[in-house]
Amino acid sequence: RKSGVCNVFIKNLDKQIDNKALYDTFSAFGNILSCKIVTDDNGSKGYGFVHFETEEAARSAIDKVNGMLLNDKKVFVGRFMSRKERIEQMGDKVKKFTNVYVKNLPEDVDDEQLTKLFEKYGVVTS
């Protein structure tokens, strides 16, 4: 489990997707040892993890589901990486901070509206 080889990270999940829906979606690729949507007091935080029994099942899930639409949202599916691994992989990019965290947005604000709001300050990449 610690190696992360069979552990898959999924983000940009619709808030309506629960643990069972995540399990049902990914069980087609192999035996699942654990499956969890991350939540807080308000419900789903929009991401989760699936731990497969085999590396082959994890790789297949990543290949098939990454970029797919689940509940009309394009999801990212990739190998789980610890924070340390992500920082090492980014190298010098870590020093160039370009992300902005925005909270307390109305529920009906979509990506297009958010991009319009911020593009006057520079190029919005995601």
Protein backbone atom coordinates (compact mmCIF):
# COMPACT_ATOMS: atom_id res chain seq x y z
CA ARG A 1 0.00 0.00 0.00
CA LYS A 2 2.78 2.44 0.87
CA SER A 3 4.48 2.01 -2.50
CA GLY A 4 1.44 3.47 -4.25
CA VAL A 5 1.96 1.16 -7.22
CA CYS A 6 -1.58 -0.23 -7.08
CA ASN A 7 -3.13 2.91 -5.64
CA VAL A 8 -5.02 5.21 -8.03
CA PHE A 9 -5.95 8.87 -7.46
CA ILE A 10 -9.11 10.30 -9.06
CA LYS A 11 -9.96 14.01 -9.10
CA ASN A 12 -12.61 16.32 -10.54
CA LEU A 13 -15.36 13.95 -9.43
CA ASP A 14 -18.96 15.10 -9.40
CA LYS A 15 -20.15 15.68 -5.82
CA GLN A 16 -22.92 13.09 -6.34
CA ILE A 17 -20.44 10.24 -6.84
CA ASP A 18 -20.17 8.25 -3.62
CA ASN A 19 -18.00 5.33 -2.50
CA LYS A 20 -20.35 2.77 -4.07
CA ALA A 21 -20.46 4.56 -7.44
CA LEU A 22 -16.66 4.82 -7.42
CA TYR A 23 -16.36 1.14 -6.56
CA ASP A 24 -18.85 0.16 -9.27
CA THR A 25 -16.97 2.23 -11.86
CA PHE A 26 -13.53 0.82 -11.08
CA SER A 27 -14.34 -2.80 -10.12
CA ALA A 28 -14.45 -3.68 -13.83
CA PHE A 29 -10.64 -3.38 -13.93
CA GLY A 30 -9.77 -5.77 -11.11
CA ASN A 31 -10.11 -6.68 -7.46
CA ILE A 32 -10.35 -3.58 -5.24
CA LEU A 33 -8.77 -3.70 -1.78
CA SER A 34 -10.12 -0.28 -0.74
CA CYS A 35 -12.06 2.54 -2.31
CA LYS A 36 -12.74 5.97 -0.77
CA ILE A 37 -14.20 9.34 -1.72
CA VAL A 38 -12.66 12.08 0.43
CA THR A 39 -15.35 14.01 2.30
CA ASP A 40 -15.78 16.79 4.81
CA ASP A 41 -18.85 18.14 6.65
CA ASN A 42 -20.29 19.36 3.33
CA GLY A 43 -19.97 16.00 1.54
CA SER A 44 -17.61 14.97 -1.25
CA LYS A 45 -14.48 17.01 -1.82
CA GLY A 46 -14.41 15.86 -5.46
CA TYR A 47 -11.55 13.38 -5.28
CA GLY A 48 -10.85 9.88 -4.10
CA PHE A 49 -8.63 6.82 -4.13
CA VAL A 50 -8.94 3.24 -5.34
CA HIS A 51 -6.42 0.63 -4.18
CA PHE A 52 -6.26 -2.34 -6.53
CA GLU A 53 -4.85 -5.77 -5.77
CA THR A 54 -2.61 -5.72 -8.85
CA GLU A 55 -0.52 -3.14 -10.68
CA GLU A 56 -2.04 -4.35 -13.96
CA ALA A 57 -5.57 -3.50 -12.76
CA ALA A 58 -4.44 -0.04 -11.63
CA ARG A 59 -2.69 0.63 -14.94
CA SER A 60 -5.75 -0.50 -16.90
CA ALA A 61 -8.07 1.75 -14.86
CA ILE A 62 -5.79 4.74 -15.45
CA ASP A 63 -5.58 4.04 -19.19
CA LYS A 64 -9.33 3.56 -19.64
CA VAL A 65 -10.91 6.10 -17.25
CA ASN A 66 -8.49 9.05 -17.33
CA GLY A 67 -10.15 11.84 -19.33
CA MET A 68 -13.57 10.13 -19.35
CA LEU A 69 -16.77 11.92 -18.43
CA LEU A 70 -18.34 10.69 -15.20
CA ASN A 71 -21.64 12.46 -14.44
CA ASP A 72 -20.75 15.01 -17.15
CA LYS A 73 -17.38 15.91 -15.56
CA LYS A 74 -14.04 15.04 -17.17
CA VAL A 75 -12.04 13.19 -14.52
CA PHE A 76 -8.31 12.82 -14.00
CA VAL A 77 -7.15 9.34 -13.03
CA GLY A 78 -3.50 8.69 -12.26
CA ARG A 79 -1.10 6.77 -10.09
CA PHE A 80 -1.16 7.94 -6.48
CA MET A 81 1.97 9.92 -5.63
CA SER A 82 2.96 11.13 -2.20
CA ARG A 83 3.48 14.85 -1.70
CA LYS A 84 7.24 14.23 -1.57
CA GLU A 85 7.13 12.43 -4.95
CA ARG A 86 5.07 15.22 -6.52
CA ILE A 87 7.50 17.89 -5.29
CA GLU A 88 10.51 15.90 -6.55
CA GLN A 89 8.84 15.41 -9.94
CA MET A 90 8.09 19.13 -10.29
CA GLY A 91 11.68 20.16 -9.55
CA ASP A 92 12.17 23.91 -10.08
CA LYS A 93 8.50 24.42 -10.91
CA VAL A 94 7.78 24.24 -7.17
CA LYS A 95 9.61 27.54 -6.74
CA LYS A 96 7.41 29.23 -9.36
CA PHE A 97 4.12 29.47 -7.51
CA THR A 98 1.30 30.05 -10.00
CA ASN A 99 -1.77 28.51 -8.35
CA VAL A 100 -4.49 30.56 -6.72
CA TYR A 101 -6.96 29.00 -4.28
CA VAL A 102 -10.45 30.50 -4.45
CA LYS A 103 -13.17 29.56 -2.01
CA ASN A 104 -16.75 30.53 -1.13
CA LEU A 105 -17.80 30.63 -4.79
CA PRO A 106 -21.48 30.19 -5.59
CA GLU A 107 -22.32 26.59 -6.58
CA ASP A 108 -23.38 27.67 -10.08
CA VAL A 109 -19.98 29.16 -11.05
CA ASP A 110 -18.43 27.02 -13.79
CA ASP A 111 -14.89 26.77 -15.23
CA GLU A 112 -15.67 29.20 -18.05
CA GLN A 113 -16.88 31.92 -15.67
CA LEU A 114 -13.87 31.44 -13.41
CA THR A 115 -11.48 31.65 -16.37
CA LYS A 116 -13.13 34.89 -17.56
CA LEU A 117 -12.82 36.37 -14.10
CA PHE A 118 -9.07 35.66 -13.83
CA GLU A 119 -7.77 35.93 -17.41
CA LYS A 120 -7.42 39.70 -17.08
CA TYR A 121 -4.53 38.98 -14.66
CA GLY A 122 -2.68 36.55 -16.94
CA VAL A 123 -2.94 33.33 -18.88
CA VAL A 124 -5.15 30.75 -17.17
CA THR A 125 -3.91 27.23 -17.87
CA SER A 126 -6.42 25.25 -15.81
